[in-house]
Amino acid sequence: MKRILSSLLLVAAAVSMTTTAVAETPEEKGLAIAKEAKARNTGWGDSQADMTMILRDKGGNEAERIVKVKSLEVKGDGDKGLSVFEQPRDVEGTAFLNYSHIEGNDDQWLFLPALKRVKRISSSNKSGPWMGSEFAYEDLSSFEVEKYDYKFLRDDELNGEKMFVVEMVPTYNNSGYSKTIAWIDQEHYRVHRIEFFDQKNDKLKELNMSEFKQYLDKYWRAHRQEMENVQTGKSTTIIWKDYEFNVGLSEDDFNKSSLKRAR
């Protein structure tokens, strides 16, 4: 009887180990981490914040821009975002509207006050720089799990915190990246670092995020973002302040036809 019981326990243990191994492939673990990160940042509704963007060239010369940013969650689709430039005078009134989508290409428009017209950003141009910064147009879209293939690479530590390191390969058309690698903390599933690789699979940029603050007892936002282009030596720093949530924004605040009146 003992021998039979021992055999049954060994079989059960083997089945358990096999099931765990199947569920923990690098691809499945990477996808599970991405889904958890998305789930923890769902349900915030709408928000607005002020952004200071500092552009630096290779020589360290700086240019500063002040931007008002509004965001809206959309049920069953990606988020909508509106960025309106307030300073300096040469970009004042410039407005950028982004409709992220769960699948397929995002829709993006730019209002240029000097030309008094709304320009649609084509899918083939979304790898280009956004308003002279080191952020590309595609970097401004909301994170949607379905737009990438995933692979868990390793556990790591960054700034004293335990991290998951996950490779993400874009599955949408016209991306400027062959892949990105993200460092996601294991406690709150916040993204702390992203490395971007160009189509030659060479490292192109590195984004580091810090000064996290929590809102509505659930949602974390990084108040400082540092994007460095390692190939050109240029960089962009974004500093956030005055975050507000549930301010009553609606679809009407993200209407393409109202871009010219955006303030």
C-alpha atoms as a PDB file:
ATOM      1  CA  MET A   1       0.000   0.000   0.000  1.00  0.00           C
ATOM      2  CA  LYS A   2       2.839   2.390   0.883  1.00  0.00           C
ATOM      3  CA  ARG A   3       4.524   1.614  -2.427  1.00  0.00           C
ATOM      4  CA  ILE A   4       1.313   2.377  -4.358  1.00  0.00           C
ATOM      5  CA  LEU A   5       0.809   5.630  -2.428  1.00  0.00           C
ATOM      6  CA  SER A   6       4.402   6.675  -3.053  1.00  0.00           C
ATOM      7  CA  SER A   7       4.022   5.931  -6.746  1.00  0.00           C
ATOM      8  CA  LEU A   8       0.844   7.997  -6.937  1.00  0.00           C
ATOM      9  CA  LEU A   9       2.548  10.921  -5.194  1.00  0.00           C
ATOM     10  CA  LEU A  10       5.469  10.747  -7.604  1.00  0.00           C
ATOM     11  CA  VAL A  11       3.094  10.742 -10.585  1.00  0.00           C
ATOM     12  CA  ALA A  12       1.183  13.714  -9.149  1.00  0.00           C
ATOM     13  CA  ALA A  13       4.422  15.612  -8.587  1.00  0.00           C
ATOM     14  CA  ALA A  14       5.586  14.880 -12.140  1.00  0.00           C
ATOM     15  CA  VAL A  15       2.258  16.071 -13.587  1.00  0.00           C
ATOM     16  CA  SER A  16       2.456  19.230 -11.478  1.00  0.00           C
ATOM     17  CA  MET A  17       6.006  19.942 -12.643  1.00  0.00           C
ATOM     18  CA  THR A  18       5.053  19.337 -16.266  1.00  0.00           C
ATOM     19  CA  THR A  19       2.040  21.665 -16.012  1.00  0.00           C
ATOM     20  CA  THR A  20       4.150  24.386 -14.390  1.00  0.00           C
ATOM     21  CA  ALA A  21       6.832  24.059 -17.031  1.00  0.00           C
ATOM     22  CA  VAL A  22       4.292  24.372 -19.831  1.00  0.00           C
ATOM     23  CA  ALA A  23       2.711  27.455 -18.232  1.00  0.00           C
ATOM     24  CA  GLU A  24       6.063  29.126 -17.661  1.00  0.00           C
ATOM     25  CA  THR A  25       7.555  29.291 -21.126  1.00  0.00           C
ATOM     26  CA  PRO A  26       9.369  32.619 -21.647  1.00  0.00           C
ATOM     27  CA  GLU A  27       6.723  33.722 -24.145  1.00  0.00           C
ATOM     28  CA  GLU A  28       3.807  32.924 -21.844  1.00  0.00           C
ATOM     29  CA  LYS A  29       5.456  34.486 -18.825  1.00  0.00           C
ATOM     30  CA  GLY A  30       6.252  37.645 -20.787  1.00  0.00           C
ATOM     31  CA  LEU A  31       2.634  37.875 -21.937  1.00  0.00           C
ATOM     32  CA  ALA A  32       1.346  37.295 -18.395  1.00  0.00           C
ATOM     33  CA  ILE A  33       3.536  40.120 -17.063  1.00  0.00           C
ATOM     34  CA  ALA A  34       2.310  42.481 -19.801  1.00  0.00           C
ATOM     35  CA  LYS A  35      -1.328  41.628 -19.077  1.00  0.00           C
ATOM     36  CA  GLU A  36      -0.852  42.246 -15.359  1.00  0.00           C
ATOM     37  CA  ALA A  37       0.840  45.603 -16.016  1.00  0.00           C
ATOM     38  CA  LYS A  38      -2.058  46.629 -18.248  1.00  0.00           C
ATOM     39  CA  ALA A  39      -4.684  45.410 -15.755  1.00  0.00           C
ATOM     40  CA  ARG A  40      -3.139  47.495 -12.985  1.00  0.00           C
ATOM     41  CA  ASN A  41      -3.440  50.616 -15.126  1.00  0.00           C
ATOM     42  CA  THR A  42      -7.029  50.190 -16.253  1.00  0.00           C
ATOM     43  CA  GLY A  43     -10.059  52.044 -14.950  1.00  0.00           C
ATOM     44  CA  TRP A  44      -8.659  55.549 -14.341  1.00  0.00           C
ATOM     45  CA  GLY A  45     -11.206  57.146 -16.691  1.00  0.00           C
ATOM     46  CA  ASP A  46      -9.774  60.499 -17.726  1.00  0.00           C
ATOM     47  CA  SER A  47      -6.916  62.739 -16.656  1.00  0.00           C
ATOM     48  CA  GLN A  48      -5.015  65.899 -17.398  1.00  0.00           C
ATOM     49  CA  ALA A  49      -1.539  67.124 -16.458  1.00  0.00           C
ATOM     50  CA  ASP A  50       1.087  69.733 -17.263  1.00  0.00           C
ATOM     51  CA  MET A  51       4.282  68.699 -18.992  1.00  0.00           C
ATOM     52  CA  THR A  52       7.622  70.487 -19.247  1.00  0.00           C
ATOM     53  CA  MET A  53       9.701  69.086 -22.085  1.00  0.00           C
ATOM     54  CA  ILE A  54      13.425  69.874 -22.243  1.00  0.00           C
ATOM     55  CA  LEU A  55      15.219  69.148 -25.520  1.00  0.00           C
ATOM     56  CA  ARG A  56      19.025  68.797 -25.509  1.00  0.00           C
ATOM     57  CA  ASP A  57      21.329  68.548 -28.487  1.00  0.00           C
ATOM     58  CA  LYS A  58      24.643  66.692 -28.499  1.00  0.00           C
ATOM     59  CA  GLY A  59      26.429  69.787 -27.207  1.00  0.00           C
ATOM     60  CA  GLY A  60      24.107  70.154 -24.217  1.00  0.00           C
ATOM     61  CA  ASN A  61      22.194  73.171 -25.512  1.00  0.00           C
ATOM     62  CA  GLU A  62      18.614  73.166 -24.218  1.00  0.00           C
ATOM     63  CA  ALA A  63      15.191  74.259 -25.448  1.00  0.00           C
ATOM     64  CA  GLU A  64      12.109  74.106 -23.225  1.00  0.00           C
ATOM     65  CA  ARG A  65       8.455  73.563 -24.109  1.00  0.00           C
ATOM     66  CA  ILE A  66       5.353  73.677 -21.924  1.00  0.00           C
ATOM     67  CA  VAL A  67       2.489  71.336 -22.844  1.00  0.00           C
ATOM     68  CA  LYS A  68      -1.002  70.644 -21.482  1.00  0.00           C
ATOM     69  CA  VAL A  69      -1.900  66.963 -21.856  1.00  0.00           C
ATOM     70  CA  LYS A  70      -5.366  65.393 -21.622  1.00  0.00           C
ATOM     71  CA  SER A  71      -6.135  61.659 -21.744  1.00  0.00           C
ATOM     72  CA  LEU A  72      -9.267  59.533 -22.003  1.00  0.00           C
ATOM     73  CA  GLU A  73      -9.799  55.802 -21.596  1.00  0.00           C
ATOM     74  CA  VAL A  74     -11.983  54.270 -24.300  1.00  0.00           C
ATOM     75  CA  LYS A  75     -13.889  51.087 -23.565  1.00  0.00           C
ATOM     76  CA  GLY A  76     -12.938  48.324 -25.992  1.00  0.00           C
ATOM     77  CA  ASP A  77     -10.151  50.332 -27.638  1.00  0.00           C
ATOM     78  CA  GLY A  78      -6.948  52.238 -26.898  1.00  0.00           C
ATOM     79  CA  ASP A  79      -6.771  55.575 -25.100  1.00  0.00           C
ATOM     80  CA  LYS A  80      -7.204  59.008 -26.646  1.00  0.00           C
ATOM     81  CA  GLY A  81      -4.738  61.801 -25.974  1.00  0.00           C
ATOM     82  CA  LEU A  82      -4.558  65.516 -26.702  1.00  0.00           C
ATOM     83  CA  SER A  83      -1.376  67.565 -26.253  1.00  0.00           C
ATOM     84  CA  VAL A  84      -1.497  71.354 -26.618  1.00  0.00           C
ATOM     85  CA  PHE A  85       1.725  73.380 -26.679  1.00  0.00           C
ATOM     86  CA  GLU A  86       1.532  76.574 -24.616  1.00  0.00           C
ATOM     87  CA  GLN A  87       5.141  77.831 -24.730  1.00  0.00           C
ATOM     88  CA  PRO A  88       7.383  79.029 -26.338  1.00  0.00           C
ATOM     89  CA  ARG A  89       5.681  81.378 -28.733  1.00  0.00           C
ATOM     90  CA  ASP A  90       6.916  79.676 -31.921  1.00  0.00           C
ATOM     91  CA  VAL A  91       4.972  76.495 -31.065  1.00  0.00           C
ATOM     92  CA  GLU A  92       2.097  78.047 -29.086  1.00  0.00           C
ATOM     93  CA  GLY A  93      -1.244  76.584 -30.141  1.00  0.00           C
ATOM     94  CA  THR A  94       0.248  73.524 -31.812  1.00  0.00           C
ATOM     95  CA  ALA A  95      -1.987  70.576 -30.924  1.00  0.00           C
ATOM     96  CA  PHE A  96      -1.471  66.842 -31.291  1.00  0.00           C
ATOM     97  CA  LEU A  97      -4.362  64.368 -31.198  1.00  0.00           C
ATOM     98  CA  ASN A  98      -3.832  60.634 -30.822  1.00  0.00           C
ATOM     99  CA  TYR A  99      -6.351  57.778 -31.071  1.00  0.00           C
ATOM    100  CA  SER A 100      -4.662  54.574 -29.944  1.00  0.00           C
ATOM    101  CA  HIS A 101      -6.160  51.284 -31.090  1.00  0.00           C
ATOM    102  CA  ILE A 102      -5.926  47.778 -29.679  1.00  0.00           C
ATOM    103  CA  GLU A 103      -5.171  46.433 -33.142  1.00  0.00           C
ATOM    104  CA  GLY A 104      -3.937  48.026 -36.347  1.00  0.00           C
ATOM    105  CA  ASN A 105      -2.412  51.460 -36.830  1.00  0.00           C
ATOM    106  CA  ASP A 106      -3.228  54.352 -34.524  1.00  0.00           C
ATOM    107  CA  ASP A 107      -4.805  57.566 -35.829  1.00  0.00           C
ATOM    108  CA  GLN A 108      -2.833  60.769 -35.241  1.00  0.00           C
ATOM    109  CA  TRP A 109      -3.264  64.398 -36.263  1.00  0.00           C
ATOM    110  CA  LEU A 110      -1.204  67.549 -35.793  1.00  0.00           C
ATOM    111  CA  PHE A 111      -2.582  71.090 -35.909  1.00  0.00           C
ATOM    112  CA  LEU A 112      -0.004  73.648 -37.050  1.00  0.00           C
ATOM    113  CA  PRO A 113      -1.233  77.184 -36.267  1.00  0.00           C
ATOM    114  CA  ALA A 114       1.209  78.823 -38.703  1.00  0.00           C
ATOM    115  CA  LEU A 115      -0.406  76.877 -41.561  1.00  0.00           C
ATOM    116  CA  LYS A 116      -3.884  76.967 -39.987  1.00  0.00           C
ATOM    117  CA  ARG A 117      -4.524  73.392 -40.937  1.00  0.00           C
ATOM    118  CA  VAL A 118      -4.757  69.909 -39.459  1.00  0.00           C
ATOM    119  CA  LYS A 119      -2.197  67.435 -40.780  1.00  0.00           C
ATOM    120  CA  ARG A 120      -2.738  63.697 -40.511  1.00  0.00           C
ATOM    121  CA  ILE A 121       0.337  61.709 -39.475  1.00  0.00           C
ATOM    122  CA  SER A 122       0.668  58.787 -41.868  1.00  0.00           C
ATOM    123  CA  SER A 123       1.476  55.320 -40.578  1.00  0.00           C
ATOM    124  CA  SER A 124       4.810  55.361 -42.405  1.00  0.00           C
ATOM    125  CA  ASN A 125       5.924  58.532 -40.539  1.00  0.00           C
ATOM    126  CA  LYS A 126       5.175  57.457 -36.965  1.00  0.00           C
ATOM    127  CA  SER A 127       8.776  56.502 -36.290  1.00  0.00           C
ATOM    128  CA  GLY A 128       9.753  60.146 -36.838  1.00  0.00           C
ATOM    129  CA  PRO A 129      10.543  62.582 -33.984  1.00  0.00           C
ATOM    130  CA  TRP A 130       7.634  64.222 -32.174  1.00  0.00           C
ATOM    131  CA  MET A 131       8.024  68.018 -32.121  1.00  0.00           C
ATOM    132  CA  GLY A 132      11.810  67.819 -32.330  1.00  0.00           C
ATOM    133  CA  SER A 133      12.122  65.528 -29.305  1.00  0.00           C
ATOM    134  CA  GLU A 134      13.700  62.092 -28.953  1.00  0.00           C
ATOM    135  CA  PHE A 135      10.197  60.633 -28.551  1.00  0.00           C
ATOM    136  CA  ALA A 136       8.731  59.189 -31.752  1.00  0.00           C
ATOM    137  CA  TYR A 137       5.068  59.560 -32.656  1.00  0.00           C
ATOM    138  CA  GLU A 138       4.557  55.871 -31.927  1.00  0.00           C
ATOM    139  CA  ASP A 139       5.942  56.339 -28.395  1.00  0.00           C
ATOM    140  CA  LEU A 140       2.939  58.519 -27.554  1.00  0.00           C
ATOM    141  CA  SER A 141       0.333  55.814 -28.061  1.00  0.00           C
ATOM    142  CA  SER A 142      -1.142  53.995 -25.080  1.00  0.00           C
ATOM    143  CA  PHE A 143       0.266  50.562 -24.305  1.00  0.00           C
ATOM    144  CA  GLU A 144      -1.946  47.836 -25.775  1.00  0.00           C
ATOM    145  CA  VAL A 145      -1.064  44.206 -25.004  1.00  0.00           C
ATOM    146  CA  GLU A 146      -2.282  42.897 -28.371  1.00  0.00           C
ATOM    147  CA  LYS A 147       0.259  44.923 -30.383  1.00  0.00           C
ATOM    148  CA  TYR A 148       3.336  42.951 -29.319  1.00  0.00           C
ATOM    149  CA  ASP A 149       4.828  39.510 -29.022  1.00  0.00           C
ATOM    150  CA  TYR A 150       6.515  38.912 -25.667  1.00  0.00           C
ATOM    151  CA  LYS A 151       9.399  36.991 -24.169  1.00  0.00           C
ATOM    152  CA  PHE A 152      10.491  36.973 -20.531  1.00  0.00           C
ATOM    153  CA  LEU A 153      14.280  37.325 -20.488  1.00  0.00           C
ATOM    154  CA  ARG A 154      15.326  37.298 -16.838  1.00  0.00           C
ATOM    155  CA  ASP A 155      14.890  38.667 -13.345  1.00  0.00           C
ATOM    156  CA  ASP A 156      17.011  41.709 -12.580  1.00  0.00           C
ATOM    157  CA  GLU A 157      17.479  44.510 -10.081  1.00  0.00           C
ATOM    158  CA  LEU A 158      17.318  48.228 -10.897  1.00  0.00           C
ATOM    159  CA  ASN A 159      17.716  51.069  -8.401  1.00  0.00           C
ATOM    160  CA  GLY A 160      17.271  48.624  -5.534  1.00  0.00           C
ATOM    161  CA  GLU A 161      14.016  47.115  -6.858  1.00  0.00           C
ATOM    162  CA  LYS A 162      13.432  43.619  -8.221  1.00  0.00           C
ATOM    163  CA  MET A 163      12.502  43.658 -11.896  1.00  0.00           C
ATOM    164  CA  PHE A 164      11.111  41.479 -14.649  1.00  0.00           C
ATOM    165  CA  VAL A 165      12.963  42.034 -17.928  1.00  0.00           C
ATOM    166  CA  VAL A 166      10.658  41.460 -20.900  1.00  0.00           C
ATOM    167  CA  GLU A 167      11.328  41.639 -24.627  1.00  0.00           C
ATOM    168  CA  MET A 168       8.510  43.123 -26.730  1.00  0.00           C
ATOM    169  CA  VAL A 169       8.402  42.803 -30.529  1.00  0.00           C
ATOM    170  CA  PRO A 170       5.907  45.072 -32.341  1.00  0.00           C
ATOM    171  CA  THR A 171       3.352  43.246 -34.475  1.00  0.00           C
ATOM    172  CA  TYR A 172       1.852  46.400 -36.014  1.00  0.00           C
ATOM    173  CA  ASN A 173       2.988  47.823 -39.349  1.00  0.00           C
ATOM    174  CA  ASN A 174       5.584  50.568 -39.854  1.00  0.00           C
ATOM    175  CA  SER A 175       7.155  50.497 -36.412  1.00  0.00           C
ATOM    176  CA  GLY A 176      10.578  52.099 -36.245  1.00  0.00           C
ATOM    177  CA  TYR A 177      11.688  49.440 -33.760  1.00  0.00           C
ATOM    178  CA  SER A 178      12.704  45.833 -34.230  1.00  0.00           C
ATOM    179  CA  LYS A 179      12.068  45.304 -30.505  1.00  0.00           C
ATOM    180  CA  THR A 180      12.001  46.971 -27.118  1.00  0.00           C
ATOM    181  CA  ILE A 181      13.183  45.597 -23.771  1.00  0.00           C
ATOM    182  CA  ALA A 182      11.320  46.724 -20.650  1.00  0.00           C
ATOM    183  CA  TRP A 183      12.249  46.615 -16.961  1.00  0.00           C
ATOM    184  CA  ILE A 184       9.023  46.185 -14.945  1.00  0.00           C
ATOM    185  CA  ASP A 185       9.087  46.149 -11.155  1.00  0.00           C
ATOM    186  CA  GLN A 186       7.808  42.979  -9.540  1.00  0.00           C
ATOM    187  CA  GLU A 187       5.805  44.713  -6.803  1.00  0.00           C
ATOM    188  CA  HIS A 188       3.658  47.235  -8.675  1.00  0.00           C
ATOM    189  CA  TYR A 189       4.281  46.276 -12.345  1.00  0.00           C
ATOM    190  CA  ARG A 190       5.496  49.802 -13.209  1.00  0.00           C
ATOM    191  CA  VAL A 191       7.803  50.256 -16.196  1.00  0.00           C
ATOM    192  CA  HIS A 192      11.101  51.815 -15.083  1.00  0.00           C
ATOM    193  CA  ARG A 193      13.250  51.465 -18.181  1.00  0.00           C
ATOM    194  CA  ILE A 194      12.776  50.729 -21.868  1.00  0.00           C
ATOM    195  CA  GLU A 195      15.528  50.095 -24.404  1.00  0.00           C
ATOM    196  CA  PHE A 196      14.571  50.660 -28.051  1.00  0.00           C
ATOM    197  CA  PHE A 197      16.300  48.862 -30.924  1.00  0.00           C
ATOM    198  CA  ASP A 198      16.261  50.041 -34.544  1.00  0.00           C
ATOM    199  CA  GLN A 199      15.506  47.911 -37.581  1.00  0.00           C
ATOM    200  CA  LYS A 200      19.164  46.806 -37.716  1.00  0.00           C
ATOM    201  CA  ASN A 201      18.684  45.484 -34.173  1.00  0.00           C
ATOM    202  CA  ASP A 202      21.125  48.069 -32.792  1.00  0.00           C
ATOM    203  CA  LYS A 203      20.260  49.920 -29.609  1.00  0.00           C
ATOM    204  CA  LEU A 204      18.742  53.275 -30.550  1.00  0.00           C
ATOM    205  CA  LYS A 205      17.302  54.882 -27.403  1.00  0.00           C
ATOM    206  CA  GLU A 206      16.911  54.359 -23.692  1.00  0.00           C
ATOM    207  CA  LEU A 207      14.010  55.673 -21.615  1.00  0.00           C
ATOM    208  CA  ASN A 208      14.317  55.864 -17.827  1.00  0.00           C
ATOM    209  CA  MET A 209      11.332  56.709 -15.636  1.00  0.00           C
ATOM    210  CA  SER A 210      11.429  57.813 -12.003  1.00  0.00           C
ATOM    211  CA  GLU A 211       9.731  59.879  -9.295  1.00  0.00           C
ATOM    212  CA  PHE A 212       6.621  57.712  -9.250  1.00  0.00           C
ATOM    213  CA  LYS A 213       3.518  58.926  -7.451  1.00  0.00           C
ATOM    214  CA  GLN A 214       0.281  57.046  -6.834  1.00  0.00           C
ATOM    215  CA  TYR A 215      -3.168  58.435  -7.632  1.00  0.00           C
ATOM    216  CA  LEU A 216      -6.629  57.254  -6.624  1.00  0.00           C
ATOM    217  CA  ASP A 217      -4.868  54.743  -4.320  1.00  0.00           C
ATOM    218  CA  LYS A 218      -4.081  52.587  -7.359  1.00  0.00           C
ATOM    219  CA  TYR A 219      -2.550  54.245 -10.419  1.00  0.00           C
ATOM    220  CA  TRP A 220       1.145  55.070 -10.603  1.00  0.00           C
ATOM    221  CA  ARG A 221       2.603  57.833 -12.764  1.00  0.00           C
ATOM    222  CA  ALA A 222       6.277  58.588 -13.367  1.00  0.00           C
ATOM    223  CA  HIS A 223       6.837  62.320 -12.936  1.00  0.00           C
ATOM    224  CA  ARG A 224      10.200  62.257 -14.679  1.00  0.00           C
ATOM    225  CA  GLN A 225      11.061  60.604 -17.989  1.00  0.00           C
ATOM    226  CA  GLU A 226      14.532  60.703 -19.539  1.00  0.00           C
ATOM    227  CA  MET A 227      14.852  59.618 -23.168  1.00  0.00           C
ATOM    228  CA  GLU A 228      18.391  59.408 -24.559  1.00  0.00           C
ATOM    229  CA  ASN A 229      19.284  58.660 -28.165  1.00  0.00           C
ATOM    230  CA  VAL A 230      22.481  56.642 -27.760  1.00  0.00           C
ATOM    231  CA  GLN A 231      23.301  56.941 -31.456  1.00  0.00           C
ATOM    232  CA  THR A 232      23.135  60.748 -31.741  1.00  0.00           C
ATOM    233  CA  GLY A 233      23.807  61.911 -28.180  1.00  0.00           C
ATOM    234  CA  LYS A 234      20.577  63.947 -28.095  1.00  0.00           C
ATOM    235  CA  SER A 235      18.130  63.626 -25.212  1.00  0.00           C
ATOM    236  CA  THR A 236      14.725  64.755 -23.997  1.00  0.00           C
ATOM    237  CA  THR A 237      13.565  65.148 -20.406  1.00  0.00           C
ATOM    238  CA  ILE A 238       9.863  65.265 -19.562  1.00  0.00           C
ATOM    239  CA  ILE A 239       8.742  66.516 -16.154  1.00  0.00           C
ATOM    240  CA  TRP A 240       5.093  66.083 -15.150  1.00  0.00           C
ATOM    241  CA  LYS A 241       3.093  68.024 -12.566  1.00  0.00           C
ATOM    242  CA  ASP A 242      -0.481  68.804 -11.508  1.00  0.00           C
ATOM    243  CA  TYR A 243      -1.992  65.439 -12.416  1.00  0.00           C
ATOM    244  CA  GLU A 244      -5.777  65.383 -12.065  1.00  0.00           C
ATOM    245  CA  PHE A 245      -8.123  62.442 -12.601  1.00  0.00           C
ATOM    246  CA  ASN A 246     -11.853  62.212 -13.325  1.00  0.00           C
ATOM    247  CA  VAL A 247     -12.081  65.831 -14.386  1.00  0.00           C
ATOM    248  CA  GLY A 248     -15.088  65.161 -16.630  1.00  0.00           C
ATOM    249  CA  LEU A 249     -13.435  64.832 -20.049  1.00  0.00           C
ATOM    250  CA  SER A 250     -15.479  63.185 -22.805  1.00  0.00           C
ATOM    251  CA  GLU A 251     -15.178  62.135 -26.446  1.00  0.00           C
ATOM    252  CA  ASP A 252     -16.075  65.720 -27.432  1.00  0.00           C
ATOM    253  CA  ASP A 253     -12.790  66.927 -25.934  1.00  0.00           C
ATOM    254  CA  PHE A 254     -10.867  64.705 -28.352  1.00  0.00           C
ATOM    255  CA  ASN A 255     -12.576  65.639 -31.585  1.00  0.00           C
ATOM    256  CA  LYS A 256     -10.423  66.139 -34.665  1.00  0.00           C
ATOM    257  CA  SER A 257     -12.535  69.056 -35.862  1.00  0.00           C
ATOM    258  CA  SER A 258     -11.928  70.914 -32.584  1.00  0.00           C
ATOM    259  CA  LEU A 259      -8.120  70.756 -32.766  1.00  0.00           C
ATOM    260  CA  LYS A 260      -7.907  74.363 -33.930  1.00  0.00           C
ATOM    261  CA  ARG A 261      -9.745  75.498 -30.793  1.00  0.00           C
ATOM    262  CA  ALA A 262      -7.800  73.293 -28.382  1.00  0.00           C
ATOM    263  CA  ARG A 263      -6.474  75.193 -25.378  1.00  0.00           C
END
